[in-house]
N, C-alpha and C. Protein backbone atom coordinates (compact mmCIF):
# COMPACT_ATOMS: atom_id res chain seq x y z
N UNK A 1 -5.65 -0.91 21.93
CA UNK A 1 -5.10 0.00 20.93
C UNK A 1 -4.51 -0.84 19.79
N UNK A 2 -4.82 -0.46 18.57
CA UNK A 2 -4.34 -1.18 17.39
C UNK A 2 -3.44 -0.26 16.60
N UNK A 3 -2.30 -0.79 16.19
CA UNK A 3 -1.38 -0.02 15.34
C UNK A 3 -1.69 -0.33 13.88
N UNK A 4 -1.99 0.73 13.13
CA UNK A 4 -2.28 0.63 11.71
C UNK A 4 -1.22 1.34 10.89
N UNK A 5 -1.11 0.91 9.64
CA UNK A 5 -0.35 1.67 8.64
C UNK A 5 -1.35 2.04 7.56
N UNK A 6 -1.39 3.33 7.27
CA UNK A 6 -2.23 3.83 6.18
C UNK A 6 -1.30 4.06 4.99
N UNK A 7 -1.52 3.28 3.94
CA UNK A 7 -0.80 3.50 2.69
C UNK A 7 -1.69 4.39 1.84
N UNK A 8 -1.21 5.60 1.57
CA UNK A 8 -2.00 6.60 0.85
C UNK A 8 -1.61 6.58 -0.62
N UNK A 9 -2.61 6.59 -1.47
CA UNK A 9 -2.34 6.57 -2.90
C UNK A 9 -2.28 7.99 -3.44
N UNK A 10 -1.29 8.24 -4.31
CA UNK A 10 -1.23 9.50 -5.03
C UNK A 10 -0.68 10.67 -4.24
N UNK A 11 0.07 10.40 -3.18
CA UNK A 11 0.66 11.49 -2.39
C UNK A 11 2.05 11.79 -2.95
N UNK A 12 2.31 13.07 -3.16
CA UNK A 12 3.58 13.58 -3.68
C UNK A 12 3.93 13.04 -5.07
N UNK A 13 2.90 12.82 -5.86
CA UNK A 13 3.05 12.50 -7.28
C UNK A 13 2.00 13.29 -8.05
N UNK A 14 2.29 13.60 -9.28
CA UNK A 14 1.31 14.29 -10.12
C UNK A 14 0.84 15.62 -9.58
N UNK A 15 1.70 16.32 -8.84
CA UNK A 15 1.35 17.62 -8.31
C UNK A 15 0.55 17.58 -7.01
N UNK A 16 0.26 16.41 -6.50
CA UNK A 16 -0.47 16.27 -5.23
C UNK A 16 0.53 16.22 -4.08
N UNK A 17 0.90 17.38 -3.60
CA UNK A 17 1.94 17.50 -2.57
C UNK A 17 1.29 17.53 -1.18
N UNK A 18 1.90 16.76 -0.28
CA UNK A 18 1.44 16.74 1.12
C UNK A 18 2.65 16.60 2.02
N UNK A 19 2.90 17.61 2.82
CA UNK A 19 4.02 17.56 3.75
C UNK A 19 3.70 16.60 4.89
N UNK A 20 4.75 15.98 5.40
CA UNK A 20 4.52 15.00 6.48
C UNK A 20 3.88 15.65 7.70
N UNK A 21 4.24 16.90 8.00
CA UNK A 21 3.64 17.59 9.14
C UNK A 21 2.13 17.77 8.96
N UNK A 22 1.72 18.06 7.72
CA UNK A 22 0.30 18.23 7.42
C UNK A 22 -0.44 16.91 7.63
N UNK A 23 0.16 15.82 7.15
CA UNK A 23 -0.47 14.51 7.32
C UNK A 23 -0.54 14.12 8.80
N UNK A 24 0.56 14.34 9.51
CA UNK A 24 0.57 13.99 10.94
C UNK A 24 -0.51 14.79 11.69
N UNK A 25 -0.65 16.06 11.38
CA UNK A 25 -1.67 16.89 12.04
C UNK A 25 -3.07 16.39 11.71
N UNK A 26 -3.31 16.04 10.44
CA UNK A 26 -4.64 15.56 10.03
C UNK A 26 -5.00 14.28 10.80
N UNK A 27 -4.06 13.36 10.91
CA UNK A 27 -4.32 12.11 11.62
C UNK A 27 -4.51 12.35 13.12
N UNK A 28 -3.73 13.26 13.67
CA UNK A 28 -3.87 13.60 15.10
C UNK A 28 -5.24 14.24 15.36
N UNK A 29 -5.68 15.12 14.47
CA UNK A 29 -6.98 15.76 14.62
C UNK A 29 -8.13 14.75 14.57
N UNK A 30 -7.89 13.60 13.94
CA UNK A 30 -8.91 12.55 13.89
C UNK A 30 -8.95 11.73 15.18
N UNK A 31 -8.03 12.06 16.11
CA UNK A 31 -8.03 11.36 17.40
C UNK A 31 -7.08 10.19 17.48
N UNK A 32 -6.25 10.00 16.46
CA UNK A 32 -5.28 8.90 16.48
C UNK A 32 -4.07 9.31 17.29
N UNK A 33 -3.37 8.34 17.85
CA UNK A 33 -2.17 8.62 18.65
C UNK A 33 -0.95 7.99 18.01
N UNK A 34 0.23 8.39 18.50
CA UNK A 34 1.51 7.88 18.00
C UNK A 34 1.60 7.97 16.47
N UNK A 35 1.19 9.10 15.92
CA UNK A 35 1.17 9.29 14.47
C UNK A 35 2.58 9.60 13.97
N UNK A 36 2.96 8.88 12.92
CA UNK A 36 4.28 9.08 12.33
C UNK A 36 4.20 8.77 10.84
N UNK A 37 4.98 9.49 10.04
CA UNK A 37 5.09 9.13 8.63
C UNK A 37 6.39 8.37 8.44
N UNK A 38 6.45 7.57 7.37
CA UNK A 38 7.67 6.83 7.10
C UNK A 38 8.10 7.05 5.65
N UNK A 39 9.34 7.47 5.49
CA UNK A 39 9.98 7.76 4.20
C UNK A 39 9.09 8.65 3.37
N UNK A 40 8.41 8.09 2.38
CA UNK A 40 7.49 8.89 1.61
C UNK A 40 6.33 9.22 2.54
N UNK A 41 5.79 10.38 2.41
CA UNK A 41 4.71 10.73 3.33
C UNK A 41 3.43 9.98 3.02
N UNK A 42 3.43 9.12 2.04
CA UNK A 42 2.27 8.29 1.74
C UNK A 42 2.17 7.07 2.62
N UNK A 43 3.03 6.97 3.64
CA UNK A 43 3.00 5.87 4.60
C UNK A 43 2.83 6.48 5.98
N UNK A 44 1.65 6.31 6.58
CA UNK A 44 1.37 6.91 7.88
C UNK A 44 1.06 5.80 8.88
N UNK A 45 1.81 5.79 9.99
CA UNK A 45 1.61 4.81 11.04
C UNK A 45 0.90 5.51 12.19
N UNK A 46 -0.11 4.84 12.76
CA UNK A 46 -0.87 5.44 13.86
C UNK A 46 -1.53 4.37 14.70
N UNK A 47 -1.91 4.75 15.90
CA UNK A 47 -2.65 3.87 16.80
C UNK A 47 -4.09 4.35 16.90
N UNK A 48 -5.01 3.39 16.96
CA UNK A 48 -6.44 3.71 17.08
C UNK A 48 -7.13 2.71 18.00
N UNK A 49 -8.12 3.20 18.71
CA UNK A 49 -8.94 2.31 19.52
C UNK A 49 -10.02 1.66 18.67
N UNK A 50 -10.35 2.28 17.55
CA UNK A 50 -11.36 1.74 16.63
C UNK A 50 -10.71 0.70 15.74
N UNK A 51 -11.32 -0.47 15.63
CA UNK A 51 -10.75 -1.56 14.82
C UNK A 51 -11.43 -1.69 13.46
N UNK A 52 -12.47 -0.92 13.20
CA UNK A 52 -13.22 -1.04 11.96
C UNK A 52 -12.48 -0.33 10.82
N UNK A 53 -11.79 -1.11 10.00
CA UNK A 53 -10.96 -0.54 8.95
C UNK A 53 -11.76 0.25 7.92
N UNK A 54 -12.96 -0.19 7.59
CA UNK A 54 -13.77 0.54 6.61
C UNK A 54 -14.15 1.92 7.13
N UNK A 55 -14.54 1.99 8.40
CA UNK A 55 -14.91 3.26 9.01
C UNK A 55 -13.67 4.16 9.10
N UNK A 56 -12.56 3.59 9.55
CA UNK A 56 -11.33 4.38 9.68
C UNK A 56 -10.88 4.93 8.33
N UNK A 57 -10.85 4.08 7.31
CA UNK A 57 -10.41 4.52 5.98
C UNK A 57 -11.30 5.64 5.46
N UNK A 58 -12.60 5.52 5.64
CA UNK A 58 -13.52 6.57 5.17
C UNK A 58 -13.28 7.88 5.91
N UNK A 59 -13.08 7.81 7.24
CA UNK A 59 -12.80 9.02 8.02
C UNK A 59 -11.51 9.69 7.54
N UNK A 60 -10.49 8.88 7.31
CA UNK A 60 -9.19 9.42 6.88
C UNK A 60 -9.32 10.03 5.49
N UNK A 61 -9.98 9.33 4.57
CA UNK A 61 -10.14 9.85 3.21
C UNK A 61 -10.89 11.18 3.22
N UNK A 62 -11.95 11.29 4.02
CA UNK A 62 -12.71 12.55 4.12
C UNK A 62 -11.82 13.67 4.65
N UNK A 63 -11.06 13.37 5.70
CA UNK A 63 -10.18 14.38 6.32
C UNK A 63 -9.11 14.83 5.33
N UNK A 64 -8.52 13.87 4.61
CA UNK A 64 -7.46 14.22 3.65
C UNK A 64 -8.01 15.05 2.50
N UNK A 65 -9.21 14.74 2.05
CA UNK A 65 -9.80 15.53 0.96
C UNK A 65 -10.01 16.98 1.42
N UNK A 66 -10.50 17.15 2.65
CA UNK A 66 -10.69 18.49 3.20
C UNK A 66 -9.36 19.19 3.41
N UNK A 67 -8.39 18.49 3.96
CA UNK A 67 -7.10 19.08 4.30
C UNK A 67 -6.24 19.36 3.07
N UNK A 68 -6.20 18.39 2.14
CA UNK A 68 -5.28 18.49 1.00
C UNK A 68 -5.94 19.04 -0.26
N UNK A 69 -7.26 18.92 -0.34
CA UNK A 69 -7.96 19.41 -1.52
C UNK A 69 -7.99 18.43 -2.68
N UNK A 70 -7.64 17.18 -2.45
CA UNK A 70 -7.72 16.16 -3.49
C UNK A 70 -7.97 14.80 -2.83
N UNK A 71 -8.46 13.87 -3.64
CA UNK A 71 -8.72 12.52 -3.14
C UNK A 71 -7.42 11.76 -2.95
N UNK A 72 -7.32 11.07 -1.83
CA UNK A 72 -6.17 10.22 -1.54
C UNK A 72 -6.71 8.91 -0.97
N UNK A 73 -6.95 7.91 -1.83
CA UNK A 73 -7.44 6.63 -1.32
C UNK A 73 -6.51 6.06 -0.25
N UNK A 74 -7.12 5.44 0.77
CA UNK A 74 -6.40 4.93 1.94
C UNK A 74 -6.53 3.41 1.99
N UNK A 75 -5.40 2.75 2.19
CA UNK A 75 -5.34 1.29 2.29
C UNK A 75 -4.74 0.96 3.65
N UNK A 76 -5.57 0.44 4.56
CA UNK A 76 -5.12 0.18 5.93
C UNK A 76 -4.71 -1.27 6.11
N UNK A 77 -3.62 -1.45 6.85
CA UNK A 77 -3.19 -2.77 7.29
C UNK A 77 -2.65 -2.62 8.70
N UNK A 78 -2.83 -3.66 9.51
CA UNK A 78 -2.25 -3.68 10.84
C UNK A 78 -0.81 -4.16 10.73
N UNK A 79 -0.02 -3.89 11.76
CA UNK A 79 1.35 -4.39 11.78
C UNK A 79 1.37 -5.92 11.70
N UNK A 80 0.51 -6.66 12.45
CA UNK A 80 0.51 -8.12 12.29
C UNK A 80 0.19 -8.57 10.86
N UNK A 81 -0.71 -7.86 10.17
CA UNK A 81 -0.98 -8.21 8.77
C UNK A 81 0.25 -8.00 7.90
N UNK A 82 0.98 -6.91 8.13
CA UNK A 82 2.20 -6.66 7.36
C UNK A 82 3.28 -7.68 7.70
N UNK A 83 3.38 -8.05 8.97
CA UNK A 83 4.33 -9.09 9.37
C UNK A 83 4.03 -10.40 8.64
N UNK A 84 2.76 -10.72 8.50
CA UNK A 84 2.36 -11.95 7.80
C UNK A 84 2.73 -11.89 6.32
N UNK A 85 2.57 -10.72 5.71
CA UNK A 85 2.96 -10.55 4.30
C UNK A 85 4.45 -10.82 4.14
N UNK A 86 5.25 -10.23 5.02
CA UNK A 86 6.71 -10.41 4.96
C UNK A 86 7.07 -11.87 5.22
N UNK A 87 6.46 -12.48 6.23
CA UNK A 87 6.80 -13.85 6.62
C UNK A 87 6.41 -14.87 5.55
N UNK A 88 5.32 -14.61 4.83
CA UNK A 88 4.86 -15.56 3.81
C UNK A 88 5.86 -15.67 2.67
N UNK A 89 6.57 -14.59 2.38
CA UNK A 89 7.62 -14.57 1.37
C UNK A 89 7.17 -15.14 0.02
N UNK A 90 6.26 -14.46 -0.60
CA UNK A 90 5.77 -14.86 -1.93
C UNK A 90 6.87 -14.78 -2.99
N UNK A 91 7.98 -14.14 -2.66
CA UNK A 91 9.04 -13.91 -3.63
C UNK A 91 10.16 -14.96 -3.55
N UNK A 92 9.99 -15.96 -2.70
CA UNK A 92 11.01 -17.00 -2.53
C UNK A 92 11.28 -17.65 -3.89
N UNK A 93 12.56 -17.77 -4.21
CA UNK A 93 12.96 -18.38 -5.46
C UNK A 93 13.04 -17.43 -6.64
N UNK A 94 12.61 -16.19 -6.45
CA UNK A 94 12.69 -15.20 -7.53
C UNK A 94 14.11 -14.64 -7.62
N UNK A 95 14.59 -14.40 -8.80
CA UNK A 95 15.91 -13.81 -8.99
C UNK A 95 15.93 -12.38 -8.46
N UNK A 96 16.98 -12.03 -7.74
CA UNK A 96 17.11 -10.68 -7.21
C UNK A 96 17.91 -9.77 -8.14
N UNK A 97 18.42 -10.30 -9.25
CA UNK A 97 19.20 -9.50 -10.20
C UNK A 97 18.32 -8.46 -10.87
N UNK A 98 18.60 -7.19 -10.60
CA UNK A 98 17.86 -6.07 -11.20
C UNK A 98 16.35 -6.20 -11.00
N UNK A 99 15.94 -6.83 -9.93
CA UNK A 99 14.51 -7.05 -9.66
C UNK A 99 14.03 -6.17 -8.53
N UNK A 100 12.75 -5.83 -8.59
CA UNK A 100 12.07 -5.19 -7.48
C UNK A 100 10.88 -6.05 -7.13
N UNK A 101 10.70 -6.27 -5.84
CA UNK A 101 9.58 -7.06 -5.35
C UNK A 101 8.54 -6.08 -4.82
N UNK A 102 7.33 -6.14 -5.38
CA UNK A 102 6.30 -5.16 -5.07
C UNK A 102 5.06 -5.80 -4.47
N UNK A 103 4.47 -5.09 -3.52
CA UNK A 103 3.22 -5.49 -2.90
C UNK A 103 2.18 -4.45 -3.29
N UNK A 104 1.11 -4.90 -3.93
CA UNK A 104 0.01 -4.01 -4.28
C UNK A 104 -1.13 -4.27 -3.31
N UNK A 105 -1.55 -3.21 -2.63
CA UNK A 105 -2.61 -3.31 -1.63
C UNK A 105 -3.95 -3.01 -2.30
N UNK A 106 -4.94 -3.84 -2.00
CA UNK A 106 -6.29 -3.69 -2.52
C UNK A 106 -7.19 -3.13 -1.43
N UNK A 107 -8.25 -2.42 -1.83
CA UNK A 107 -9.20 -1.87 -0.87
C UNK A 107 -9.94 -2.97 -0.12
N UNK A 108 -10.33 -4.01 -0.84
CA UNK A 108 -11.08 -5.09 -0.21
C UNK A 108 -10.63 -6.43 -0.79
N UNK A 109 -11.04 -7.48 -0.13
CA UNK A 109 -10.63 -8.83 -0.53
C UNK A 109 -11.21 -9.19 -1.90
N UNK A 110 -10.40 -9.91 -2.66
CA UNK A 110 -10.82 -10.46 -3.94
C UNK A 110 -10.94 -11.97 -3.74
N UNK A 111 -12.15 -12.51 -3.85
CA UNK A 111 -12.33 -13.93 -3.56
C UNK A 111 -11.51 -14.85 -4.47
N UNK A 112 -11.47 -14.53 -5.76
CA UNK A 112 -10.72 -15.34 -6.70
C UNK A 112 -9.98 -14.41 -7.65
N UNK A 113 -8.66 -14.57 -7.73
CA UNK A 113 -7.89 -13.73 -8.63
C UNK A 113 -8.15 -14.19 -10.06
N UNK A 114 -8.50 -13.27 -10.98
CA UNK A 114 -8.98 -13.66 -12.30
C UNK A 114 -7.90 -14.06 -13.32
N UNK A 115 -6.64 -13.99 -12.96
CA UNK A 115 -5.57 -14.32 -13.91
C UNK A 115 -4.86 -15.60 -13.52
N UNK A 116 -4.40 -16.33 -14.52
CA UNK A 116 -3.53 -17.48 -14.29
C UNK A 116 -2.15 -16.91 -13.91
N UNK A 117 -1.62 -17.35 -12.78
CA UNK A 117 -0.34 -16.83 -12.31
C UNK A 117 0.77 -17.85 -12.49
N UNK A 118 1.97 -17.40 -12.82
CA UNK A 118 2.38 -16.01 -13.01
C UNK A 118 1.80 -15.44 -14.31
N UNK A 119 1.57 -14.13 -14.29
CA UNK A 119 1.02 -13.42 -15.45
C UNK A 119 1.94 -12.26 -15.78
N UNK A 120 2.34 -12.16 -17.02
CA UNK A 120 3.18 -11.05 -17.46
C UNK A 120 2.29 -9.85 -17.78
N UNK A 121 2.68 -8.70 -17.25
CA UNK A 121 1.94 -7.47 -17.52
C UNK A 121 2.22 -7.08 -18.97
N UNK A 122 1.18 -6.81 -19.76
CA UNK A 122 1.38 -6.50 -21.19
C UNK A 122 2.44 -5.43 -21.43
N UNK A 123 3.18 -5.62 -22.52
CA UNK A 123 4.21 -4.70 -22.99
C UNK A 123 5.31 -4.49 -21.96
N UNK A 124 5.64 -5.55 -21.20
CA UNK A 124 6.70 -5.45 -20.20
C UNK A 124 7.25 -6.85 -19.91
N UNK A 125 8.21 -6.86 -19.00
CA UNK A 125 8.72 -8.13 -18.46
C UNK A 125 8.21 -8.35 -17.04
N UNK A 126 7.51 -7.34 -16.50
CA UNK A 126 7.00 -7.42 -15.14
C UNK A 126 5.98 -8.55 -15.02
N UNK A 127 6.03 -9.22 -13.88
CA UNK A 127 5.12 -10.34 -13.67
C UNK A 127 4.38 -10.24 -12.35
N UNK A 128 3.11 -10.60 -12.40
CA UNK A 128 2.34 -10.81 -11.18
C UNK A 128 2.57 -12.28 -10.83
N UNK A 129 3.10 -12.53 -9.63
CA UNK A 129 3.48 -13.90 -9.30
C UNK A 129 2.57 -14.57 -8.28
N UNK A 130 1.82 -13.77 -7.50
CA UNK A 130 0.97 -14.36 -6.46
C UNK A 130 -0.09 -13.35 -6.05
N UNK A 131 -1.14 -13.87 -5.42
CA UNK A 131 -2.15 -12.99 -4.85
C UNK A 131 -2.64 -13.59 -3.54
N UNK A 132 -3.07 -12.70 -2.67
CA UNK A 132 -3.71 -13.08 -1.42
C UNK A 132 -5.06 -12.39 -1.44
N UNK A 133 -5.78 -12.41 -0.35
CA UNK A 133 -7.13 -11.83 -0.40
C UNK A 133 -7.11 -10.32 -0.66
N UNK A 134 -6.15 -9.59 -0.06
CA UNK A 134 -6.13 -8.13 -0.21
C UNK A 134 -4.79 -7.61 -0.73
N UNK A 135 -3.94 -8.49 -1.27
CA UNK A 135 -2.66 -8.07 -1.81
C UNK A 135 -2.35 -8.85 -3.08
N UNK A 136 -1.56 -8.21 -3.94
CA UNK A 136 -1.06 -8.85 -5.14
C UNK A 136 0.45 -8.61 -5.16
N UNK A 137 1.20 -9.63 -5.56
CA UNK A 137 2.67 -9.58 -5.49
C UNK A 137 3.25 -9.65 -6.89
N UNK A 138 4.14 -8.69 -7.18
CA UNK A 138 4.71 -8.56 -8.52
C UNK A 138 6.22 -8.44 -8.46
N UNK A 139 6.86 -8.82 -9.57
CA UNK A 139 8.29 -8.65 -9.74
C UNK A 139 8.49 -7.80 -10.98
N UNK A 140 9.28 -6.73 -10.84
CA UNK A 140 9.62 -5.90 -11.99
C UNK A 140 11.13 -5.94 -12.19
N UNK A 141 11.54 -5.57 -13.40
CA UNK A 141 12.95 -5.74 -13.77
C UNK A 141 13.58 -4.47 -14.29
N UNK A 142 13.40 -3.36 -13.59
CA UNK A 142 14.04 -2.11 -13.99
C UNK A 142 13.38 -1.49 -15.21
N UNK A 143 14.05 -0.52 -15.78
CA UNK A 143 13.55 0.11 -17.00
C UNK A 143 12.21 0.80 -16.83
N UNK A 144 11.93 1.29 -15.63
CA UNK A 144 10.69 2.01 -15.39
C UNK A 144 9.47 1.14 -15.19
N UNK A 145 9.67 -0.16 -15.00
CA UNK A 145 8.54 -1.07 -14.85
C UNK A 145 7.89 -1.00 -13.47
N UNK A 146 8.50 -0.34 -12.51
CA UNK A 146 7.99 -0.32 -11.14
C UNK A 146 6.59 0.22 -11.01
N UNK A 147 6.17 1.10 -11.92
CA UNK A 147 4.84 1.68 -11.84
C UNK A 147 3.79 0.84 -12.56
N UNK A 148 4.19 -0.20 -13.25
CA UNK A 148 3.26 -0.96 -14.07
C UNK A 148 2.20 -1.77 -13.32
N UNK A 149 2.54 -2.43 -12.22
CA UNK A 149 1.52 -3.28 -11.60
C UNK A 149 0.25 -2.53 -11.19
N UNK A 150 0.40 -1.33 -10.66
CA UNK A 150 -0.77 -0.62 -10.13
C UNK A 150 -1.88 -0.44 -11.17
N UNK A 151 -1.63 0.23 -12.31
CA UNK A 151 -2.73 0.44 -13.26
C UNK A 151 -3.25 -0.87 -13.86
N UNK A 152 -2.36 -1.83 -14.07
CA UNK A 152 -2.80 -3.10 -14.65
C UNK A 152 -3.71 -3.85 -13.68
N UNK A 153 -3.33 -3.90 -12.42
CA UNK A 153 -4.14 -4.60 -11.43
C UNK A 153 -5.47 -3.87 -11.22
N UNK A 154 -5.43 -2.53 -11.18
CA UNK A 154 -6.67 -1.76 -11.05
C UNK A 154 -7.63 -2.07 -12.20
N UNK A 155 -7.10 -2.09 -13.40
CA UNK A 155 -7.94 -2.35 -14.57
C UNK A 155 -8.49 -3.78 -14.53
N UNK A 156 -7.64 -4.72 -14.18
CA UNK A 156 -8.04 -6.12 -14.15
C UNK A 156 -9.08 -6.40 -13.06
N UNK A 157 -8.86 -5.84 -11.87
CA UNK A 157 -9.74 -6.11 -10.74
C UNK A 157 -10.85 -5.08 -10.56
N UNK A 158 -10.77 -3.97 -11.33
CA UNK A 158 -11.75 -2.88 -11.24
C UNK A 158 -11.88 -2.35 -9.81
N UNK A 159 -10.72 -2.05 -9.22
CA UNK A 159 -10.67 -1.49 -7.87
C UNK A 159 -9.44 -0.60 -7.74
N UNK A 160 -9.47 0.30 -6.78
CA UNK A 160 -8.32 1.15 -6.49
C UNK A 160 -7.24 0.33 -5.80
N UNK A 161 -5.99 0.66 -6.08
CA UNK A 161 -4.86 -0.01 -5.47
C UNK A 161 -3.75 0.99 -5.18
N UNK A 162 -2.79 0.57 -4.38
CA UNK A 162 -1.55 1.31 -4.22
C UNK A 162 -0.45 0.29 -4.03
N UNK A 163 0.74 0.60 -4.50
CA UNK A 163 1.84 -0.36 -4.50
C UNK A 163 3.03 0.17 -3.73
N UNK A 164 3.68 -0.73 -2.97
CA UNK A 164 4.91 -0.40 -2.25
C UNK A 164 5.94 -1.49 -2.50
N UNK A 165 7.20 -1.09 -2.48
CA UNK A 165 8.29 -2.04 -2.56
C UNK A 165 8.28 -2.88 -1.28
N UNK A 166 8.56 -4.16 -1.40
CA UNK A 166 8.59 -5.04 -0.24
C UNK A 166 9.58 -4.54 0.81
N UNK A 167 10.67 -3.93 0.39
CA UNK A 167 11.65 -3.41 1.35
C UNK A 167 11.03 -2.35 2.26
N UNK A 168 10.17 -1.50 1.72
CA UNK A 168 9.49 -0.49 2.54
C UNK A 168 8.58 -1.17 3.56
N UNK A 169 7.85 -2.18 3.12
CA UNK A 169 6.96 -2.92 4.02
C UNK A 169 7.77 -3.54 5.16
N UNK A 170 8.90 -4.16 4.81
CA UNK A 170 9.77 -4.77 5.83
C UNK A 170 10.28 -3.71 6.81
N UNK A 171 10.74 -2.58 6.28
CA UNK A 171 11.27 -1.52 7.14
C UNK A 171 10.20 -0.99 8.10
N UNK A 172 8.97 -0.85 7.61
CA UNK A 172 7.89 -0.38 8.48
C UNK A 172 7.64 -1.39 9.60
N UNK A 173 7.60 -2.67 9.26
CA UNK A 173 7.34 -3.67 10.30
C UNK A 173 8.47 -3.71 11.33
N UNK A 174 9.69 -3.52 10.88
CA UNK A 174 10.83 -3.54 11.82
C UNK A 174 10.84 -2.31 12.72
N UNK A 175 10.51 -1.16 12.16
CA UNK A 175 10.58 0.08 12.94
C UNK A 175 9.38 0.27 13.87
N UNK A 176 8.21 -0.19 13.45
CA UNK A 176 6.99 0.14 14.20
C UNK A 176 6.30 -1.06 14.85
N UNK A 177 7.03 -2.15 15.08
CA UNK A 177 6.46 -3.32 15.75
C UNK A 177 5.89 -2.97 17.10
């Protein structure tokens, strides 16, 4: 049995409302066990016997479209993968004054990140400071910059993404180990 976290994009924003009970039922109907949502309902933790992330993500996306009536891209990570993200600490040495540390999840691996890092997101102070194969790490400095990495990274990499605060990732790994 493998414990996954599904980070759902676009849940409870822009009029796309999904109650946690609805999400839990949808995941349970797919045959997953130990289904739970965390904080925002766009974070769903579940256990699966199937290890194929591409197949799982496609099944979940199809179910959510049927259940919710809109597309909700799914970004799957295992708890060990999230533990590795936290342990690597890409934010070491970054100032914590009025800063938010963000992890942007990619659908698939990017062999080479196309920007020289650190890279400042246009018209902001937000910076992309590091990348891994399926994640990009950014620092924002208040003033509404928290939403900036997602569209900029999507445009740059030409792929769907979803972003979470590092604190949420840490809390998920601590609660659902």
